[in-house]
Amino acid sequence: MKRSLVTLALALACGSALAQTDATVQADREQLRKDEALLRAHQRQLRRDKARGNAAAVAEDKEAIERDRAQIRATRQRLQANVEKMKDTRKKEAESRKPVKPRPKE
């Protein structure tokens, strides 16, 4: 009986952690989409400023693009870490669902 309660508690904890991690992964994916859209916007602005011959704006655009790329790298790293956490949590959850072997009677 005690063993089944521990298994049940572990399964509930894994389920809660999985839901939280899944939400975090979804938020990271959305943030990555926003970061990439901002990068594309800055790249378009850079092309426009180059065409106009606006050197000061070109320098600012290049700095913005570098910041965007750094942000994208950070978001991808965070996303990858959260995906790994989710995989580990799913693995633990699957293991907790395995039937418990009865102890041999002595």
PDB file of N, CA and C in Angstrom:
ATOM      1  N   MET A   1       0.828  -1.198   0.000  1.00  0.00           N
ATOM      2  CA  MET A   1       0.000   0.000   0.000  1.00  0.00           C
ATOM      3  C   MET A   1       0.866   1.253   0.000  1.00  0.00           C
ATOM      4  N   LYS A   2       1.893   1.251   0.838  1.00  0.00           N
ATOM      5  CA  LYS A   2       2.763   2.405   0.947  1.00  0.00           C
ATOM      6  C   LYS A   2       3.468   2.682  -0.383  1.00  0.00           C
ATOM      7  N   ARG A   3       3.856   1.607  -1.046  1.00  0.00           N
ATOM      8  CA  ARG A   3       4.553   1.720  -2.322  1.00  0.00           C
ATOM      9  C   ARG A   3       3.658   2.339  -3.395  1.00  0.00           C
ATOM     10  N   SER A   4       2.393   1.955  -3.412  1.00  0.00           N
ATOM     11  CA  SER A   4       1.475   2.503  -4.418  1.00  0.00           C
ATOM     12  C   SER A   4       1.191   3.985  -4.163  1.00  0.00           C
ATOM     13  N   LEU A   5       1.183   4.408  -2.897  1.00  0.00           N
ATOM     14  CA  LEU A   5       0.993   5.825  -2.592  1.00  0.00           C
ATOM     15  C   LEU A   5       2.180   6.653  -3.073  1.00  0.00           C
ATOM     16  N   VAL A   6       3.366   6.118  -2.903  1.00  0.00           N
ATOM     17  CA  VAL A   6       4.570   6.806  -3.365  1.00  0.00           C
ATOM     18  C   VAL A   6       4.533   6.913  -4.891  1.00  0.00           C
ATOM     19  N   THR A   7       4.138   5.841  -5.559  1.00  0.00           N
ATOM     20  CA  THR A   7       4.043   5.846  -7.020  1.00  0.00           C
ATOM     21  C   THR A   7       3.019   6.860  -7.487  1.00  0.00           C
ATOM     22  N   LEU A   8       1.887   6.911  -6.808  1.00  0.00           N
ATOM     23  CA  LEU A   8       0.841   7.865  -7.151  1.00  0.00           C
ATOM     24  C   LEU A   8       1.317   9.304  -6.951  1.00  0.00           C
ATOM     25  N   ALA A   9       1.997   9.567  -5.857  1.00  0.00           N
ATOM     26  CA  ALA A   9       2.516  10.908  -5.586  1.00  0.00           C
ATOM     27  C   ALA A   9       3.535  11.321  -6.644  1.00  0.00           C
ATOM     28  N   LEU A  10       4.387  10.395  -7.037  1.00  0.00           N
ATOM     29  CA  LEU A  10       5.382  10.676  -8.068  1.00  0.00           C
ATOM     30  C   LEU A  10       4.703  10.976  -9.404  1.00  0.00           C
ATOM     31  N   ALA A  11       3.684  10.218  -9.739  1.00  0.00           N
ATOM     32  CA  ALA A  11       2.965  10.434 -10.999  1.00  0.00           C
ATOM     33  C   ALA A  11       2.292  11.807 -11.016  1.00  0.00           C
ATOM     34  N   LEU A  12       1.686  12.196  -9.892  1.00  0.00           N
ATOM     35  CA  LEU A  12       1.046  13.509  -9.814  1.00  0.00           C
ATOM     36  C   LEU A  12       2.067  14.634  -9.933  1.00  0.00           C
ATOM     37  N   ALA A  13       3.201  14.459  -9.275  1.00  0.00           N
ATOM     38  CA  ALA A  13       4.246  15.484  -9.345  1.00  0.00           C
ATOM     39  C   ALA A  13       4.779  15.609 -10.763  1.00  0.00           C
ATOM     40  N   CYS A  14       4.974  14.485 -11.431  1.00  0.00           N
ATOM     41  CA  CYS A  14       5.471  14.509 -12.811  1.00  0.00           C
ATOM     42  C   CYS A  14       4.458  15.175 -13.738  1.00  0.00           C
ATOM     43  N   GLY A  15       3.186  14.891 -13.538  1.00  0.00           N
ATOM     44  CA  GLY A  15       2.148  15.490 -14.370  1.00  0.00           C
ATOM     45  C   GLY A  15       2.116  16.997 -14.226  1.00  0.00           C
ATOM     46  N   SER A  16       2.244  17.472 -13.009  1.00  0.00           N
ATOM     47  CA  SER A  16       2.256  18.910 -12.755  1.00  0.00           C
ATOM     48  C   SER A  16       3.493  19.552 -13.368  1.00  0.00           C
ATOM     49  N   ALA A  17       4.634  18.920 -13.202  1.00  0.00           N
ATOM     50  CA  ALA A  17       5.883  19.448 -13.767  1.00  0.00           C
ATOM     51  C   ALA A  17       5.822  19.449 -15.285  1.00  0.00           C
ATOM     52  N   LEU A  18       5.207  18.424 -15.857  1.00  0.00           N
ATOM     53  CA  LEU A  18       5.105  18.342 -17.312  1.00  0.00           C
ATOM     54  C   LEU A  18       4.226  19.477 -17.853  1.00  0.00           C
ATOM     55  N   ALA A  19       3.127  19.741 -17.206  1.00  0.00           N
ATOM     56  CA  ALA A  19       2.242  20.820 -17.660  1.00  0.00           C
ATOM     57  C   ALA A  19       2.937  22.168 -17.577  1.00  0.00           C
ATOM     58  N   GLN A  20       3.660  22.383 -16.498  1.00  0.00           N
ATOM     59  CA  GLN A  20       4.376  23.645 -16.331  1.00  0.00           C
ATOM     60  C   GLN A  20       5.481  23.776 -17.373  1.00  0.00           C
ATOM     61  N   THR A  21       6.242  22.700 -17.598  1.00  0.00           N
ATOM     62  CA  THR A  21       7.324  22.728 -18.575  1.00  0.00           C
ATOM     63  C   THR A  21       6.775  22.903 -19.977  1.00  0.00           C
ATOM     64  N   ASP A  22       5.654  22.257 -20.285  1.00  0.00           N
ATOM     65  CA  ASP A  22       5.044  22.388 -21.607  1.00  0.00           C
ATOM     66  C   ASP A  22       4.618  23.837 -21.857  1.00  0.00           C
ATOM     67  N   ALA A  23       4.065  24.474 -20.863  1.00  0.00           N
ATOM     68  CA  ALA A  23       3.671  25.880 -20.998  1.00  0.00           C
ATOM     69  C   ALA A  23       4.896  26.763 -21.204  1.00  0.00           C
ATOM     70  N   THR A  24       5.988  26.450 -20.518  1.00  0.00           N
ATOM     71  CA  THR A  24       7.219  27.211 -20.664  1.00  0.00           C
ATOM     72  C   THR A  24       7.783  27.050 -22.071  1.00  0.00           C
ATOM     73  N   VAL A  25       7.741  25.828 -22.600  1.00  0.00           N
ATOM     74  CA  VAL A  25       8.227  25.573 -23.958  1.00  0.00           C
ATOM     75  C   VAL A  25       7.396  26.362 -24.969  1.00  0.00           C
ATOM     76  N   GLN A  26       6.083  26.362 -24.797  1.00  0.00           N
ATOM     77  CA  GLN A  26       5.218  27.113 -25.707  1.00  0.00           C
ATOM     78  C   GLN A  26       5.527  28.612 -25.642  1.00  0.00           C
ATOM     79  N   ALA A  27       5.760  29.124 -24.445  1.00  0.00           N
ATOM     80  CA  ALA A  27       6.091  30.546 -24.290  1.00  0.00           C
ATOM     81  C   ALA A  27       7.431  30.863 -24.954  1.00  0.00           C
ATOM     82  N   ASP A  28       8.402  29.960 -24.814  1.00  0.00           N
ATOM     83  CA  ASP A  28       9.703  30.163 -25.452  1.00  0.00           C
ATOM     84  C   ASP A  28       9.582  30.142 -26.970  1.00  0.00           C
ATOM     85  N   ARG A  29       8.758  29.258 -27.496  1.00  0.00           N
ATOM     86  CA  ARG A  29       8.564  29.203 -28.948  1.00  0.00           C
ATOM     87  C   ARG A  29       7.925  30.493 -29.459  1.00  0.00           C
ATOM     88  N   GLU A  30       6.960  30.999 -28.720  1.00  0.00           N
ATOM     89  CA  GLU A  30       6.314  32.252 -29.110  1.00  0.00           C
ATOM     90  C   GLU A  30       7.312  33.408 -29.048  1.00  0.00           C
ATOM     91  N   GLN A  31       8.127  33.429 -28.001  1.00  0.00           N
ATOM     92  CA  GLN A  31       9.140  34.478 -27.883  1.00  0.00           C
ATOM     93  C   GLN A  31      10.143  34.391 -29.034  1.00  0.00           C
ATOM     94  N   LEU A  32      10.512  33.179 -29.426  1.00  0.00           N
ATOM     95  CA  LEU A  32      11.438  33.000 -30.543  1.00  0.00           C
ATOM     96  C   LEU A  32      10.833  33.542 -31.840  1.00  0.00           C
ATOM     97  N   ARG A  33       9.555  33.287 -32.058  1.00  0.00           N
ATOM     98  CA  ARG A  33       8.886  33.836 -33.249  1.00  0.00           C
ATOM     99  C   ARG A  33       8.917  35.370 -33.238  1.00  0.00           C
ATOM    100  N   LYS A  34       8.661  35.963 -32.079  1.00  0.00           N
ATOM    101  CA  LYS A  34       8.695  37.419 -31.971  1.00  0.00           C
ATOM    102  C   LYS A  34      10.103  37.962 -32.214  1.00  0.00           C
ATOM    103  N   ASP A  35      11.100  37.284 -31.637  1.00  0.00           N
ATOM    104  CA  ASP A  35      12.492  37.710 -31.824  1.00  0.00           C
ATOM    105  C   ASP A  35      12.888  37.657 -33.291  1.00  0.00           C
ATOM    106  N   GLU A  36      12.494  36.592 -33.966  1.00  0.00           N
ATOM    107  CA  GLU A  36      12.837  36.443 -35.382  1.00  0.00           C
ATOM    108  C   GLU A  36      12.110  37.489 -36.236  1.00  0.00           C
ATOM    109  N   ALA A  37      10.875  37.811 -35.891  1.00  0.00           N
ATOM    110  CA  ALA A  37      10.134  38.840 -36.622  1.00  0.00           C
ATOM    111  C   ALA A  37      10.800  40.208 -36.438  1.00  0.00           C
ATOM    112  N   LEU A  38      11.262  40.488 -35.237  1.00  0.00           N
ATOM    113  CA  LEU A  38      11.943  41.748 -34.971  1.00  0.00           C
ATOM    114  C   LEU A  38      13.257  41.822 -35.760  1.00  0.00           C
ATOM    115  N   LEU A  39      13.976  40.710 -35.827  1.00  0.00           N
ATOM    116  CA  LEU A  39      15.209  40.666 -36.613  1.00  0.00           C
ATOM    117  C   LEU A  39      14.920  40.981 -38.081  1.00  0.00           C
ATOM    118  N   ARG A  40      13.897  40.354 -38.632  1.00  0.00           N
ATOM    119  CA  ARG A  40      13.547  40.612 -40.037  1.00  0.00           C
ATOM    120  C   ARG A  40      13.181  42.079 -40.257  1.00  0.00           C
ATOM    121  N   ALA A  41      12.474  42.666 -39.308  1.00  0.00           N
ATOM    122  CA  ALA A  41      12.098  44.077 -39.422  1.00  0.00           C
ATOM    123  C   ALA A  41      13.340  44.968 -39.410  1.00  0.00           C
ATOM    124  N   HIS A  42      14.277  44.659 -38.532  1.00  0.00           N
ATOM    125  CA  HIS A  42      15.507  45.453 -38.485  1.00  0.00           C
ATOM    126  C   HIS A  42      16.345  45.259 -39.755  1.00  0.00           C
ATOM    127  N   GLN A  43      16.329  44.057 -40.310  1.00  0.00           N
ATOM    128  CA  GLN A  43      17.062  43.826 -41.548  1.00  0.00           C
ATOM    129  C   GLN A  43      16.447  44.620 -42.704  1.00  0.00           C
ATOM    130  N   ARG A  44      15.126  44.677 -42.752  1.00  0.00           N
ATOM    131  CA  ARG A  44      14.453  45.490 -43.782  1.00  0.00           C
ATOM    132  C   ARG A  44      14.802  46.966 -43.619  1.00  0.00           C
ATOM    133  N   GLN A  45      14.798  47.417 -42.374  1.00  0.00           N
ATOM    134  CA  GLN A  45      15.132  48.818 -42.103  1.00  0.00           C
ATOM    135  C   GLN A  45      16.575  49.115 -42.517  1.00  0.00           C
ATOM    136  N   LEU A  46      17.471  48.182 -42.266  1.00  0.00           N
ATOM    137  CA  LEU A  46      18.865  48.354 -42.673  1.00  0.00           C
ATOM    138  C   LEU A  46      18.976  48.526 -44.190  1.00  0.00           C
ATOM    139  N   ARG A  47      18.265  47.689 -44.926  1.00  0.00           N
ATOM    140  CA  ARG A  47      18.297  47.799 -46.394  1.00  0.00           C
ATOM    141  C   ARG A  47      17.763  49.163 -46.850  1.00  0.00           C
ATOM    142  N   ARG A  48      16.690  49.630 -46.219  1.00  0.00           N
ATOM    143  CA  ARG A  48      16.130  50.932 -46.579  1.00  0.00           C
ATOM    144  C   ARG A  48      17.120  52.058 -46.290  1.00  0.00           C
ATOM    145  N   ASP A  49      17.741  51.988 -45.107  1.00  0.00           N
ATOM    146  CA  ASP A  49      18.686  53.045 -44.733  1.00  0.00           C
ATOM    147  C   ASP A  49      19.933  53.035 -45.615  1.00  0.00           C
ATOM    148  N   LYS A  50      20.363  51.840 -46.015  1.00  0.00           N
ATOM    149  CA  LYS A  50      21.506  51.762 -46.934  1.00  0.00           C
ATOM    150  C   LYS A  50      21.145  52.389 -48.278  1.00  0.00           C
ATOM    151  N   ALA A  51      19.942  52.105 -48.747  1.00  0.00           N
ATOM    152  CA  ALA A  51      19.501  52.641 -50.036  1.00  0.00           C
ATOM    153  C   ALA A  51      19.405  54.169 -49.990  1.00  0.00           C
ATOM    154  N   ARG A  52      19.045  54.701 -48.837  1.00  0.00           N
ATOM    155  CA  ARG A  52      18.930  56.158 -48.686  1.00  0.00           C
ATOM    156  C   ARG A  52      20.285  56.824 -48.427  1.00  0.00           C
ATOM    157  N   GLY A  53      21.279  56.009 -48.097  1.00  0.00           N
ATOM    158  CA  GLY A  53      22.601  56.568 -47.804  1.00  0.00           C
ATOM    159  C   GLY A  53      22.701  57.184 -46.417  1.00  0.00           C
ATOM    160  N   ASN A  54      21.885  56.736 -45.503  1.00  0.00           N
ATOM    161  CA  ASN A  54      21.858  57.259 -44.147  1.00  0.00           C
ATOM    162  C   ASN A  54      22.831  56.462 -43.281  1.00  0.00           C
ATOM    163  N   ALA A  55      24.085  56.923 -43.188  1.00  0.00           N
ATOM    164  CA  ALA A  55      25.148  56.178 -42.505  1.00  0.00           C
ATOM    165  C   ALA A  55      24.886  56.020 -41.008  1.00  0.00           C
ATOM    166  N   ALA A  56      24.388  57.037 -40.361  1.00  0.00           N
ATOM    167  CA  ALA A  56      24.131  56.965 -38.921  1.00  0.00           C
ATOM    168  C   ALA A  56      23.060  55.921 -38.611  1.00  0.00           C
ATOM    169  N   ALA A  57      22.009  55.913 -39.408  1.00  0.00           N
ATOM    170  CA  ALA A  57      20.938  54.936 -39.198  1.00  0.00           C
ATOM    171  C   ALA A  57      21.414  53.521 -39.512  1.00  0.00           C
ATOM    172  N   VAL A  58      22.304  53.384 -40.504  1.00  0.00           N
ATOM    173  CA  VAL A  58      22.844  52.064 -40.855  1.00  0.00           C
ATOM    174  C   VAL A  58      23.603  51.482 -39.668  1.00  0.00           C
ATOM    175  N   ALA A  59      24.403  52.304 -39.013  1.00  0.00           N
ATOM    176  CA  ALA A  59      25.157  51.838 -37.842  1.00  0.00           C
ATOM    177  C   ALA A  59      24.213  51.406 -36.724  1.00  0.00           C
ATOM    178  N   GLU A  60      23.165  52.180 -36.488  1.00  0.00           N
ATOM    179  CA  GLU A  60      22.181  51.817 -35.459  1.00  0.00           C
ATOM    180  C   GLU A  60      21.457  50.525 -35.819  1.00  0.00           C
ATOM    181  N   ASP A  61      21.126  50.379 -37.093  1.00  0.00           N
ATOM    182  CA  ASP A  61      20.439  49.166 -37.546  1.00  0.00           C
ATOM    183  C   ASP A  61      21.319  47.936 -37.348  1.00  0.00           C
ATOM    184  N   LYS A  62      22.597  48.082 -37.644  1.00  0.00           N
ATOM    185  CA  LYS A  62      23.521  46.946 -37.466  1.00  0.00           C
ATOM    186  C   LYS A  62      23.625  46.541 -36.000  1.00  0.00           C
ATOM    187  N   GLU A  63      23.658  47.537 -35.119  1.00  0.00           N
ATOM    188  CA  GLU A  63      23.691  47.242 -33.680  1.00  0.00           C
ATOM    189  C   GLU A  63      22.405  46.541 -33.243  1.00  0.00           C
ATOM    190  N   ALA A  64      21.290  47.005 -33.748  1.00  0.00           N
ATOM    191  CA  ALA A  64      19.996  46.389 -33.405  1.00  0.00           C
ATOM    192  C   ALA A  64      19.947  44.944 -33.897  1.00  0.00           C
ATOM    193  N   ILE A  65      20.489  44.710 -35.082  1.00  0.00           N
ATOM    194  CA  ILE A  65      20.507  43.348 -35.635  1.00  0.00           C
ATOM    195  C   ILE A  65      21.377  42.439 -34.773  1.00  0.00           C
ATOM    196  N   GLU A  66      22.505  42.928 -34.317  1.00  0.00           N
ATOM    197  CA  GLU A  66      23.365  42.120 -33.443  1.00  0.00           C
ATOM    198  C   GLU A  66      22.664  41.811 -32.120  1.00  0.00           C
ATOM    199  N   ARG A  67      21.960  42.798 -31.563  1.00  0.00           N
ATOM    200  CA  ARG A  67      21.200  42.549 -30.326  1.00  0.00           C
ATOM    201  C   ARG A  67      20.109  41.515 -30.569  1.00  0.00           C
ATOM    202  N   ASP A  68      19.442  41.620 -31.711  1.00  0.00           N
ATOM    203  CA  ASP A  68      18.392  40.650 -32.053  1.00  0.00           C
ATOM    204  C   ASP A  68      18.967  39.243 -32.157  1.00  0.00           C
ATOM    205  N   ARG A  69      20.100  39.125 -32.820  1.00  0.00           N
ATOM    206  CA  ARG A  69      20.720  37.801 -32.976  1.00  0.00           C
ATOM    207  C   ARG A  69      21.134  37.217 -31.633  1.00  0.00           C
ATOM    208  N   ALA A  70      21.670  38.063 -30.750  1.00  0.00           N
ATOM    209  CA  ALA A  70      22.037  37.601 -29.405  1.00  0.00           C
ATOM    210  C   ALA A  70      20.796  37.143 -28.637  1.00  0.00           C
ATOM    211  N   GLN A  71      19.711  37.897 -28.773  1.00  0.00           N
ATOM    212  CA  GLN A  71      18.458  37.525 -28.108  1.00  0.00           C
ATOM    213  C   GLN A  71      17.926  36.202 -28.644  1.00  0.00           C
ATOM    214  N   ILE A  72      18.010  36.003 -29.941  1.00  0.00           N
ATOM    215  CA  ILE A  72      17.551  34.756 -30.550  1.00  0.00           C
ATOM    216  C   ILE A  72      18.382  33.583 -30.046  1.00  0.00           C
ATOM    217  N   ARG A  73      19.699  33.769 -29.961  1.00  0.00           N
ATOM    218  CA  ARG A  73      20.557  32.685 -29.443  1.00  0.00           C
ATOM    219  C   ARG A  73      20.161  32.333 -28.008  1.00  0.00           C
ATOM    220  N   ALA A  74      19.950  33.356 -27.180  1.00  0.00           N
ATOM    221  CA  ALA A  74      19.574  33.119 -25.779  1.00  0.00           C
ATOM    222  C   ALA A  74      18.226  32.411 -25.681  1.00  0.00           C
ATOM    223  N   THR A  75      17.281  32.835 -26.489  1.00  0.00           N
ATOM    224  CA  THR A  75      15.953  32.210 -26.470  1.00  0.00           C
ATOM    225  C   THR A  75      16.037  30.765 -26.939  1.00  0.00           C
ATOM    226  N   ARG A  76      16.825  30.498 -27.975  1.00  0.00           N
ATOM    227  CA  ARG A  76      16.978  29.119 -28.453  1.00  0.00           C
ATOM    228  C   ARG A  76      17.622  28.231 -27.399  1.00  0.00           C
ATOM    229  N   GLN A  77      18.619  28.756 -26.696  1.00  0.00           N
ATOM    230  CA  GLN A  77      19.249  27.971 -25.633  1.00  0.00           C
ATOM    231  C   GLN A  77      18.261  27.662 -24.523  1.00  0.00           C
ATOM    232  N   ARG A  78      17.470  28.669 -24.133  1.00  0.00           N
ATOM    233  CA  ARG A  78      16.464  28.460 -23.089  1.00  0.00           C
ATOM    234  C   ARG A  78      15.414  27.453 -23.547  1.00  0.00           C
ATOM    235  N   LEU A  79      15.009  27.571 -24.808  1.00  0.00           N
ATOM    236  CA  LEU A  79      14.028  26.644 -25.369  1.00  0.00           C
ATOM    237  C   LEU A  79      14.578  25.218 -25.358  1.00  0.00           C
ATOM    238  N   GLN A  80      15.821  25.058 -25.794  1.00  0.00           N
ATOM    239  CA  GLN A  80      16.420  23.720 -25.824  1.00  0.00           C
ATOM    240  C   GLN A  80      16.503  23.120 -24.427  1.00  0.00           C
ATOM    241  N   ALA A  81      16.881  23.931 -23.446  1.00  0.00           N
ATOM    242  CA  ALA A  81      16.950  23.452 -22.064  1.00  0.00           C
ATOM    243  C   ALA A  81      15.573  23.025 -21.570  1.00  0.00           C
ATOM    244  N   ASN A  82      14.557  23.793 -21.887  1.00  0.00           N
ATOM    245  CA  ASN A  82      13.198  23.455 -21.450  1.00  0.00           C
ATOM    246  C   ASN A  82      12.656  22.229 -22.175  1.00  0.00           C
ATOM    247  N   VAL A  83      13.033  22.048 -23.438  1.00  0.00           N
ATOM    248  CA  VAL A  83      12.625  20.843 -24.167  1.00  0.00           C
ATOM    249  C   VAL A  83      13.266  19.616 -23.521  1.00  0.00           C
ATOM    250  N   GLU A  84      14.531  19.729 -23.140  1.00  0.00           N
ATOM    251  CA  GLU A  84      15.206  18.616 -22.466  1.00  0.00           C
ATOM    252  C   GLU A  84      14.532  18.300 -21.136  1.00  0.00           C
ATOM    253  N   LYS A  85      14.158  19.338 -20.382  1.00  0.00           N
ATOM    254  CA  LYS A  85      13.439  19.118 -19.118  1.00  0.00           C
ATOM    255  C   LYS A  85      12.128  18.389 -19.370  1.00  0.00           C
ATOM    256  N   MET A  86      11.431  18.795 -20.435  1.00  0.00           N
ATOM    257  CA  MET A  86      10.150  18.175 -20.750  1.00  0.00           C
ATOM    258  C   MET A  86      10.349  16.707 -21.110  1.00  0.00           C
ATOM    259  N   LYS A  87      11.386  16.401 -21.882  1.00  0.00           N
ATOM    260  CA  LYS A  87      11.668  15.012 -22.237  1.00  0.00           C
ATOM    261  C   LYS A  87      11.970  14.188 -20.994  1.00  0.00           C
ATOM    262  N   ASP A  88      12.784  14.747 -20.099  1.00  0.00           N
ATOM    263  CA  ASP A  88      13.114  14.032 -18.863  1.00  0.00           C
ATOM    264  C   ASP A  88      11.868  13.795 -18.014  1.00  0.00           C
ATOM    265  N   THR A  89      11.009  14.809 -17.945  1.00  0.00           N
ATOM    266  CA  THR A  89       9.783  14.675 -17.157  1.00  0.00           C
ATOM    267  C   THR A  89       8.867  13.618 -17.756  1.00  0.00           C
ATOM    268  N   ARG A  90       8.761  13.609 -19.079  1.00  0.00           N
ATOM    269  CA  ARG A  90       7.925  12.583 -19.723  1.00  0.00           C
ATOM    270  C   ARG A  90       8.493  11.191 -19.494  1.00  0.00           C
ATOM    271  N   LYS A  91       9.801  11.082 -19.509  1.00  0.00           N
ATOM    272  CA  LYS A  91      10.435   9.792 -19.270  1.00  0.00           C
ATOM    273  C   LYS A  91      10.140   9.326 -17.841  1.00  0.00           C
ATOM    274  N   LYS A  92      10.273  10.240 -16.876  1.00  0.00           N
ATOM    275  CA  LYS A  92       9.980   9.885 -15.482  1.00  0.00           C
ATOM    276  C   LYS A  92       8.516   9.514 -15.317  1.00  0.00           C
ATOM    277  N   GLU A  93       7.642  10.246 -16.000  1.00  0.00           N
ATOM    278  CA  GLU A  93       6.214   9.952 -15.914  1.00  0.00           C
ATOM    279  C   GLU A  93       5.919   8.567 -16.486  1.00  0.00           C
ATOM    280  N   ALA A  94       6.541   8.235 -17.601  1.00  0.00           N
ATOM    281  CA  ALA A  94       6.334   6.917 -18.213  1.00  0.00           C
ATOM    282  C   ALA A  94       6.843   5.816 -17.284  1.00  0.00           C
ATOM    283  N   GLU A  95       7.972   6.089 -16.640  1.00  0.00           N
ATOM    284  CA  GLU A  95       8.510   5.097 -15.709  1.00  0.00           C
ATOM    285  C   GLU A  95       7.611   4.926 -14.494  1.00  0.00           C
ATOM    286  N   SER A  96       6.984   6.009 -14.065  1.00  0.00           N
ATOM    287  CA  SER A  96       6.119   5.915 -12.891  1.00  0.00           C
ATOM    288  C   SER A  96       4.829   5.152 -13.204  1.00  0.00           C
ATOM    289  N   ARG A  97       4.481   5.069 -14.475  1.00  0.00           N
ATOM    290  CA  ARG A  97       3.261   4.350 -14.865  1.00  0.00           C
ATOM    291  C   ARG A  97       3.489   2.854 -15.018  1.00  0.00           C
ATOM    292  N   LYS A  98       4.741   2.442 -15.034  1.00  0.00           N
ATOM    293  CA  LYS A  98       5.019   1.012 -15.152  1.00  0.00           C
ATOM    294  C   LYS A  98       4.450   0.307 -13.932  1.00  0.00           C
ATOM    295  N   PRO A  99       3.927  -0.875 -14.147  1.00  0.00           N
ATOM    296  CA  PRO A  99       3.369  -1.598 -12.992  1.00  0.00           C
ATOM    297  C   PRO A  99       4.481  -1.952 -11.995  1.00  0.00           C
ATOM    298  N   VAL A 100       4.130  -1.856 -10.734  1.00  0.00           N
ATOM    299  CA  VAL A 100       5.071  -2.187  -9.665  1.00  0.00           C
ATOM    300  C   VAL A 100       5.079  -3.689  -9.480  1.00  0.00           C
ATOM    301  N   LYS A 101       6.271  -4.248  -9.502  1.00  0.00           N
ATOM    302  CA  LYS A 101       6.383  -5.694  -9.292  1.00  0.00           C
ATOM    303  C   LYS A 101       6.189  -5.996  -7.806  1.00  0.00           C
ATOM    304  N   PRO A 102       5.391  -7.005  -7.520  1.00  0.00           N
ATOM    305  CA  PRO A 102       5.197  -7.344  -6.104  1.00  0.00           C
ATOM    306  C   PRO A 102       6.484  -7.912  -5.509  1.00  0.00           C
ATOM    307  N   ARG A 103       6.664  -7.640  -4.237  1.00  0.00           N
ATOM    308  CA  ARG A 103       7.834  -8.170  -3.543  1.00  0.00           C
ATOM    309  C   ARG A 103       7.644  -9.666  -3.313  1.00  0.00           C
ATOM    310  N   PRO A 104       8.728 -10.407  -3.449  1.00  0.00           N
ATOM    311  CA  PRO A 104       8.597 -11.845  -3.171  1.00  0.00           C
ATOM    312  C   PRO A 104       8.301 -12.066  -1.691  1.00  0.00           C
ATOM    313  N   LYS A 105       7.441 -13.000  -1.432  1.00  0.00           N
ATOM    314  CA  LYS A 105       7.089 -13.283  -0.046  1.00  0.00           C
ATOM    315  C   LYS A 105       8.199 -14.102   0.597  1.00  0.00           C
ATOM    316  N   GLU A 106       8.492 -13.743   1.795  1.00  0.00           N
ATOM    317  CA  GLU A 106       9.569 -14.433   2.503  1.00  0.00           C
ATOM    318  C   GLU A 106       9.056 -15.514   3.380  1.00  0.00           C
TER     319      GLU A 106
END
